[in-house]
Each structure stands twice: as C-alpha cells, then as structure tokens.
Amino acid sequence: MKPEDLRNKTPDELRDQLVALKKEAFNLRFQKATNQLDNTARMRDVRRNAARVLTVLTEKARAAAAN
C-alpha cells in the first residue's frame, strides 16, 4: 500500500480501510495465539498499513483545518 494511493481516497474510504485493517490485525493476533499463523510478517504489514492510513487521515484533517 503506497501513501500516494491513500492520498487519492476520501476520508470515509480511509476510515473504512482502517476498520478493515484493525479487524485483520485482531484476527492475526488470535491466529498467533492459537499457533495457526503461517505468515508472521503479515502482522507487521497490517500494523504499518494502519499507521499509514492514520497518517494520511491526519494530514487531510490538518489541511481541512488550515483552510
């Protein structure tokens, strides 16, 4: 997921994507706890993607507040 792709989305789309990423992170944590997780790197990717979405949301909010 690239920040340029995220910046082209609306805040509502970003919030929806953030919810989906948080649900996926929750499910991955349960898979890890039950030793069913095959790709442990996926947890890191999901966490970082959620941080990217939050960063872009913050940028958009600051830009809207400045105008």
PDB file of N, CA and C in Angstrom:
ATOM      1  N   MET A   1       0.850  -1.166   0.000  1.00  0.00           N
ATOM      2  CA  MET A   1       0.000   0.000   0.000  1.00  0.00           C
ATOM      3  C   MET A   1       0.900   1.236   0.000  1.00  0.00           C
ATOM      4  N   LYS A   2       0.672   2.094  -0.971  1.00  0.00           N
ATOM      5  CA  LYS A   2       1.510   3.281  -1.103  1.00  0.00           C
ATOM      6  C   LYS A   2       0.771   4.513  -0.603  1.00  0.00           C
ATOM      7  N   PRO A   3       1.494   5.429   0.009  1.00  0.00           N
ATOM      8  CA  PRO A   3       0.844   6.653   0.508  1.00  0.00           C
ATOM      9  C   PRO A   3       0.171   7.458  -0.599  1.00  0.00           C
ATOM     10  N   GLU A   4       0.722   7.413  -1.814  1.00  0.00           N
ATOM     11  CA  GLU A   4       0.097   8.148  -2.918  1.00  0.00           C
ATOM     12  C   GLU A   4      -1.301   7.619  -3.208  1.00  0.00           C
ATOM     13  N   ASP A   5      -1.447   6.297  -3.115  1.00  0.00           N
ATOM     14  CA  ASP A   5      -2.766   5.689  -3.341  1.00  0.00           C
ATOM     15  C   ASP A   5      -3.742   6.108  -2.244  1.00  0.00           C
ATOM     16  N   LEU A   6      -3.243   6.201  -1.025  1.00  0.00           N
ATOM     17  CA  LEU A   6      -4.101   6.572   0.094  1.00  0.00           C
ATOM     18  C   LEU A   6      -4.531   8.034   0.005  1.00  0.00           C
ATOM     19  N   ARG A   7      -3.646   8.891  -0.469  1.00  0.00           N
ATOM     20  CA  ARG A   7      -3.970  10.322  -0.542  1.00  0.00           C
ATOM     21  C   ARG A   7      -5.062  10.610  -1.561  1.00  0.00           C
ATOM     22  N   ASN A   8      -5.264   9.691  -2.513  1.00  0.00           N
ATOM     23  CA  ASN A   8      -6.309   9.872  -3.521  1.00  0.00           C
ATOM     24  C   ASN A   8      -7.682   9.435  -3.023  1.00  0.00           C
ATOM     25  N   LYS A   9      -7.737   8.822  -1.863  1.00  0.00           N
ATOM     26  CA  LYS A   9      -9.003   8.337  -1.320  1.00  0.00           C
ATOM     27  C   LYS A   9      -9.649   9.402  -0.440  1.00  0.00           C
ATOM     28  N   THR A  10     -10.952   9.269  -0.276  1.00  0.00           N
ATOM     29  CA  THR A  10     -11.683  10.192   0.589  1.00  0.00           C
ATOM     30  C   THR A  10     -11.491   9.766   2.043  1.00  0.00           C
ATOM     31  N   PRO A  11     -11.720  10.685   2.987  1.00  0.00           N
ATOM     32  CA  PRO A  11     -11.601  10.314   4.407  1.00  0.00           C
ATOM     33  C   PRO A  11     -12.509   9.151   4.806  1.00  0.00           C
ATOM     34  N   ASP A  12     -13.702   9.078   4.229  1.00  0.00           N
ATOM     35  CA  ASP A  12     -14.603   7.962   4.554  1.00  0.00           C
ATOM     36  C   ASP A  12     -14.024   6.631   4.092  1.00  0.00           C
ATOM     37  N   GLU A  13     -13.445   6.617   2.896  1.00  0.00           N
ATOM     38  CA  GLU A  13     -12.827   5.387   2.401  1.00  0.00           C
ATOM     39  C   GLU A  13     -11.643   4.992   3.282  1.00  0.00           C
ATOM     40  N   LEU A  14     -10.894   5.986   3.721  1.00  0.00           N
ATOM     41  CA  LEU A  14      -9.751   5.710   4.588  1.00  0.00           C
ATOM     42  C   LEU A  14     -10.200   5.142   5.926  1.00  0.00           C
ATOM     43  N   ARG A  15     -11.272   5.688   6.486  1.00  0.00           N
ATOM     44  CA  ARG A  15     -11.774   5.165   7.767  1.00  0.00           C
ATOM     45  C   ARG A  15     -12.249   3.723   7.620  1.00  0.00           C
ATOM     46  N   ASP A  16     -12.927   3.437   6.493  1.00  0.00           N
ATOM     47  CA  ASP A  16     -13.377   2.067   6.238  1.00  0.00           C
ATOM     48  C   ASP A  16     -12.185   1.113   6.117  1.00  0.00           C
ATOM     49  N   GLN A  17     -11.154   1.574   5.443  1.00  0.00           N
ATOM     50  CA  GLN A  17      -9.964   0.752   5.291  1.00  0.00           C
ATOM     51  C   GLN A  17      -9.273   0.534   6.631  1.00  0.00           C
ATOM     52  N   LEU A  18      -9.269   1.562   7.469  1.00  0.00           N
ATOM     53  CA  LEU A  18      -8.667   1.437   8.793  1.00  0.00           C
ATOM     54  C   LEU A  18      -9.409   0.410   9.638  1.00  0.00           C
ATOM     55  N   VAL A  19     -10.725   0.425   9.577  1.00  0.00           N
ATOM     56  CA  VAL A  19     -11.523  -0.555  10.315  1.00  0.00           C
ATOM     57  C   VAL A  19     -11.198  -1.974   9.830  1.00  0.00           C
ATOM     58  N   ALA A  20     -11.091  -2.131   8.516  1.00  0.00           N
ATOM     59  CA  ALA A  20     -10.772  -3.452   7.965  1.00  0.00           C
ATOM     60  C   ALA A  20      -9.383  -3.913   8.418  1.00  0.00           C
ATOM     61  N   LEU A  21      -8.429  -3.001   8.436  1.00  0.00           N
ATOM     62  CA  LEU A  21      -7.077  -3.361   8.868  1.00  0.00           C
ATOM     63  C   LEU A  21      -7.047  -3.727  10.350  1.00  0.00           C
ATOM     64  N   LYS A  22      -7.804  -3.015  11.166  1.00  0.00           N
ATOM     65  CA  LYS A  22      -7.838  -3.337  12.593  1.00  0.00           C
ATOM     66  C   LYS A  22      -8.486  -4.695  12.835  1.00  0.00           C
ATOM     67  N   LYS A  23      -9.516  -5.023  12.060  1.00  0.00           N
ATOM     68  CA  LYS A  23     -10.142  -6.340  12.182  1.00  0.00           C
ATOM     69  C   LYS A  23      -9.166  -7.432  11.780  1.00  0.00           C
ATOM     70  N   GLU A  24      -8.417  -7.171  10.709  1.00  0.00           N
ATOM     71  CA  GLU A  24      -7.440  -8.159  10.267  1.00  0.00           C
ATOM     72  C   GLU A  24      -6.349  -8.348  11.311  1.00  0.00           C
ATOM     73  N   ALA A  25      -5.892  -7.256  11.914  1.00  0.00           N
ATOM     74  CA  ALA A  25      -4.870  -7.353  12.961  1.00  0.00           C
ATOM     75  C   ALA A  25      -5.389  -8.158  14.140  1.00  0.00           C
ATOM     76  N   PHE A  26      -6.642  -7.944  14.508  1.00  0.00           N
ATOM     77  CA  PHE A  26      -7.269  -8.699  15.596  1.00  0.00           C
ATOM     78  C   PHE A  26      -7.273 -10.188  15.280  1.00  0.00           C
ATOM     79  N   ASN A  27      -7.683 -10.523  14.060  1.00  0.00           N
ATOM     80  CA  ASN A  27      -7.727 -11.936  13.656  1.00  0.00           C
ATOM     81  C   ASN A  27      -6.327 -12.548  13.616  1.00  0.00           C
ATOM     82  N   LEU A  28      -5.350 -11.771  13.157  1.00  0.00           N
ATOM     83  CA  LEU A  28      -3.987 -12.290  13.124  1.00  0.00           C
ATOM     84  C   LEU A  28      -3.444 -12.556  14.520  1.00  0.00           C
ATOM     85  N   ARG A  29      -3.805 -11.690  15.477  1.00  0.00           N
ATOM     86  CA  ARG A  29      -3.369 -11.918  16.855  1.00  0.00           C
ATOM     87  C   ARG A  29      -3.947 -13.214  17.406  1.00  0.00           C
ATOM     88  N   PHE A  30      -5.204 -13.505  17.086  1.00  0.00           N
ATOM     89  CA  PHE A  30      -5.809 -14.753  17.546  1.00  0.00           C
ATOM     90  C   PHE A  30      -5.157 -15.952  16.874  1.00  0.00           C
ATOM     91  N   GLN A  31      -4.846 -15.826  15.588  1.00  0.00           N
ATOM     92  CA  GLN A  31      -4.178 -16.921  14.902  1.00  0.00           C
ATOM     93  C   GLN A  31      -2.805 -17.184  15.514  1.00  0.00           C
ATOM     94  N   LYS A  32      -2.113 -16.125  15.883  1.00  0.00           N
ATOM     95  CA  LYS A  32      -0.798 -16.300  16.504  1.00  0.00           C
ATOM     96  C   LYS A  32      -0.930 -16.989  17.858  1.00  0.00           C
ATOM     97  N   ALA A  33      -1.932 -16.600  18.624  1.00  0.00           N
ATOM     98  CA  ALA A  33      -2.120 -17.174  19.952  1.00  0.00           C
ATOM     99  C   ALA A  33      -2.463 -18.658  19.886  1.00  0.00           C
ATOM    100  N   THR A  34      -3.121 -19.076  18.822  1.00  0.00           N
ATOM    101  CA  THR A  34      -3.506 -20.475  18.681  1.00  0.00           C
ATOM    102  C   THR A  34      -2.546 -21.251  17.770  1.00  0.00           C
ATOM    103  N   ASN A  35      -1.402 -20.646  17.468  1.00  0.00           N
ATOM    104  CA  ASN A  35      -0.384 -21.267  16.616  1.00  0.00           C
ATOM    105  C   ASN A  35      -0.910 -21.659  15.241  1.00  0.00           C
ATOM    106  N   GLN A  36      -1.796 -20.860  14.675  1.00  0.00           N
ATOM    107  CA  GLN A  36      -2.317 -21.114  13.334  1.00  0.00           C
ATOM    108  C   GLN A  36      -1.769 -20.119  12.314  1.00  0.00           C
ATOM    109  N   LEU A  37      -0.960 -19.180  12.756  1.00  0.00           N
ATOM    110  CA  LEU A  37      -0.453 -18.134  11.873  1.00  0.00           C
ATOM    111  C   LEU A  37       0.753 -18.650  11.094  1.00  0.00           C
ATOM    112  N   ASP A  38       0.643 -18.649   9.761  1.00  0.00           N
ATOM    113  CA  ASP A  38       1.729 -19.126   8.911  1.00  0.00           C
ATOM    114  C   ASP A  38       2.699 -18.000   8.564  1.00  0.00           C
ATOM    115  N   ASN A  39       2.168 -16.850   8.181  1.00  0.00           N
ATOM    116  CA  ASN A  39       3.000 -15.740   7.733  1.00  0.00           C
ATOM    117  C   ASN A  39       3.040 -14.666   8.829  1.00  0.00           C
ATOM    118  N   THR A  40       4.040 -14.722   9.668  1.00  0.00           N
ATOM    119  CA  THR A  40       4.117 -13.776  10.776  1.00  0.00           C
ATOM    120  C   THR A  40       4.436 -12.362  10.302  1.00  0.00           C
ATOM    121  N   ALA A  41       5.020 -12.224   9.137  1.00  0.00           N
ATOM    122  CA  ALA A  41       5.334 -10.895   8.598  1.00  0.00           C
ATOM    123  C   ALA A  41       4.066 -10.122   8.255  1.00  0.00           C
ATOM    124  N   ARG A  42       2.982 -10.821   8.079  1.00  0.00           N
ATOM    125  CA  ARG A  42       1.713 -10.160   7.743  1.00  0.00           C
ATOM    126  C   ARG A  42       1.258  -9.246   8.881  1.00  0.00           C
ATOM    127  N   MET A  43       1.533  -9.630  10.122  1.00  0.00           N
ATOM    128  CA  MET A  43       1.161  -8.793  11.269  1.00  0.00           C
ATOM    129  C   MET A  43       1.850  -7.431  11.169  1.00  0.00           C
ATOM    130  N   ARG A  44       3.116  -7.451  10.826  1.00  0.00           N
ATOM    131  CA  ARG A  44       3.879  -6.208  10.689  1.00  0.00           C
ATOM    132  C   ARG A  44       3.320  -5.357   9.545  1.00  0.00           C
ATOM    133  N   ASP A  45       3.010  -5.989   8.425  1.00  0.00           N
ATOM    134  CA  ASP A  45       2.469  -5.261   7.277  1.00  0.00           C
ATOM    135  C   ASP A  45       1.140  -4.594   7.612  1.00  0.00           C
ATOM    136  N   VAL A  46       0.274  -5.322   8.300  1.00  0.00           N
ATOM    137  CA  VAL A  46      -1.041  -4.784   8.656  1.00  0.00           C
ATOM    138  C   VAL A  46      -0.888  -3.605   9.617  1.00  0.00           C
ATOM    139  N   ARG A  47      -0.016  -3.755  10.593  1.00  0.00           N
ATOM    140  CA  ARG A  47       0.207  -2.678  11.557  1.00  0.00           C
ATOM    141  C   ARG A  47       0.756  -1.429  10.874  1.00  0.00           C
ATOM    142  N   ARG A  48       1.675  -1.609   9.972  1.00  0.00           N
ATOM    143  CA  ARG A  48       2.256  -0.470   9.261  1.00  0.00           C
ATOM    144  C   ARG A  48       1.262   0.172   8.304  1.00  0.00           C
ATOM    145  N   ASN A  49       0.440  -0.642   7.650  1.00  0.00           N
ATOM    146  CA  ASN A  49      -0.581  -0.087   6.758  1.00  0.00           C
ATOM    147  C   ASN A  49      -1.605   0.726   7.538  1.00  0.00           C
ATOM    148  N   ALA A  50      -1.962   0.263   8.720  1.00  0.00           N
ATOM    149  CA  ALA A  50      -2.888   1.017   9.559  1.00  0.00           C
ATOM    150  C   ALA A  50      -2.264   2.355   9.955  1.00  0.00           C
ATOM    151  N   ALA A  51      -0.980   2.348  10.253  1.00  0.00           N
ATOM    152  CA  ALA A  51      -0.295   3.592  10.598  1.00  0.00           C
ATOM    153  C   ALA A  51      -0.263   4.538   9.404  1.00  0.00           C
ATOM    154  N   ARG A  52      -0.077   4.011   8.215  1.00  0.00           N
ATOM    155  CA  ARG A  52      -0.090   4.848   7.014  1.00  0.00           C
ATOM    156  C   ARG A  52      -1.448   5.505   6.819  1.00  0.00           C
ATOM    157  N   VAL A  53      -2.499   4.715   7.005  1.00  0.00           N
ATOM    158  CA  VAL A  53      -3.851   5.254   6.847  1.00  0.00           C
ATOM    159  C   VAL A  53      -4.099   6.358   7.873  1.00  0.00           C
ATOM    160  N   LEU A  54      -3.688   6.133   9.111  1.00  0.00           N
ATOM    161  CA  LEU A  54      -3.864   7.151  10.145  1.00  0.00           C
ATOM    162  C   LEU A  54      -3.084   8.420   9.820  1.00  0.00           C
ATOM    163  N   THR A  55      -1.897   8.262   9.283  1.00  0.00           N
ATOM    164  CA  THR A  55      -1.084   9.415   8.921  1.00  0.00           C
ATOM    165  C   THR A  55      -1.761  10.244   7.838  1.00  0.00           C
ATOM    166  N   VAL A  56      -2.279   9.584   6.819  1.00  0.00           N
ATOM    167  CA  VAL A  56      -2.948  10.305   5.733  1.00  0.00           C
ATOM    168  C   VAL A  56      -4.229  10.962   6.240  1.00  0.00           C
ATOM    169  N   LEU A  57      -4.958  10.283   7.128  1.00  0.00           N
ATOM    170  CA  LEU A  57      -6.158  10.887   7.705  1.00  0.00           C
ATOM    171  C   LEU A  57      -5.810  12.154   8.486  1.00  0.00           C
ATOM    172  N   THR A  58      -4.725  12.106   9.232  1.00  0.00           N
ATOM    173  CA  THR A  58      -4.286  13.270  10.000  1.00  0.00           C
ATOM    174  C   THR A  58      -3.880  14.402   9.072  1.00  0.00           C
ATOM    175  N   GLU A  59      -3.181  14.071   7.992  1.00  0.00           N
ATOM    176  CA  GLU A  59      -2.791  15.090   7.012  1.00  0.00           C
ATOM    177  C   GLU A  59      -4.010  15.771   6.431  1.00  0.00           C
ATOM    178  N   LYS A  60      -5.009  14.976   6.080  1.00  0.00           N
ATOM    179  CA  LYS A  60      -6.231  15.534   5.480  1.00  0.00           C
ATOM    180  C   LYS A  60      -6.976  16.399   6.495  1.00  0.00           C
ATOM    181  N   ALA A  61      -7.004  15.982   7.747  1.00  0.00           N
ATOM    182  CA  ALA A  61      -7.694  16.755   8.776  1.00  0.00           C
ATOM    183  C   ALA A  61      -6.977  18.092   9.011  1.00  0.00           C
ATOM    184  N   ARG A  62      -5.664  18.073   9.041  1.00  0.00           N
ATOM    185  CA  ARG A  62      -4.906  19.313   9.230  1.00  0.00           C
ATOM    186  C   ARG A  62      -5.073  20.250   8.043  1.00  0.00           C
ATOM    187  N   ALA A  63      -5.114  19.698   6.837  1.00  0.00           N
ATOM    188  CA  ALA A  63      -5.309  20.530   5.642  1.00  0.00           C
ATOM    189  C   ALA A  63      -6.693  21.169   5.657  1.00  0.00           C
ATOM    190  N   ALA A  64      -7.698  20.411   6.106  1.00  0.00           N
ATOM    191  CA  ALA A  64      -9.055  20.939   6.172  1.00  0.00           C
ATOM    192  C   ALA A  64      -9.165  22.017   7.253  1.00  0.00           C
ATOM    193  N   ALA A  65      -8.456  21.840   8.350  1.00  0.00           N
ATOM    194  CA  ALA A  65      -8.498  22.817   9.431  1.00  0.00           C
ATOM    195  C   ALA A  65      -7.770  24.104   9.052  1.00  0.00           C
ATOM    196  N   ALA A  66      -6.758  23.989   8.206  1.00  0.00           N
ATOM    197  CA  ALA A  66      -5.985  25.154   7.800  1.00  0.00           C
ATOM    198  C   ALA A  66      -6.762  26.030   6.822  1.00  0.00           C
ATOM    199  N   ASN A  67      -7.721  25.442   6.128  1.00  0.00           N
ATOM    200  CA  ASN A  67      -8.497  26.216   5.140  1.00  0.00           C
ATOM    201  C   ASN A  67      -9.687  26.871   5.737  1.00  0.00           C
TER     202      ASN A  67
END
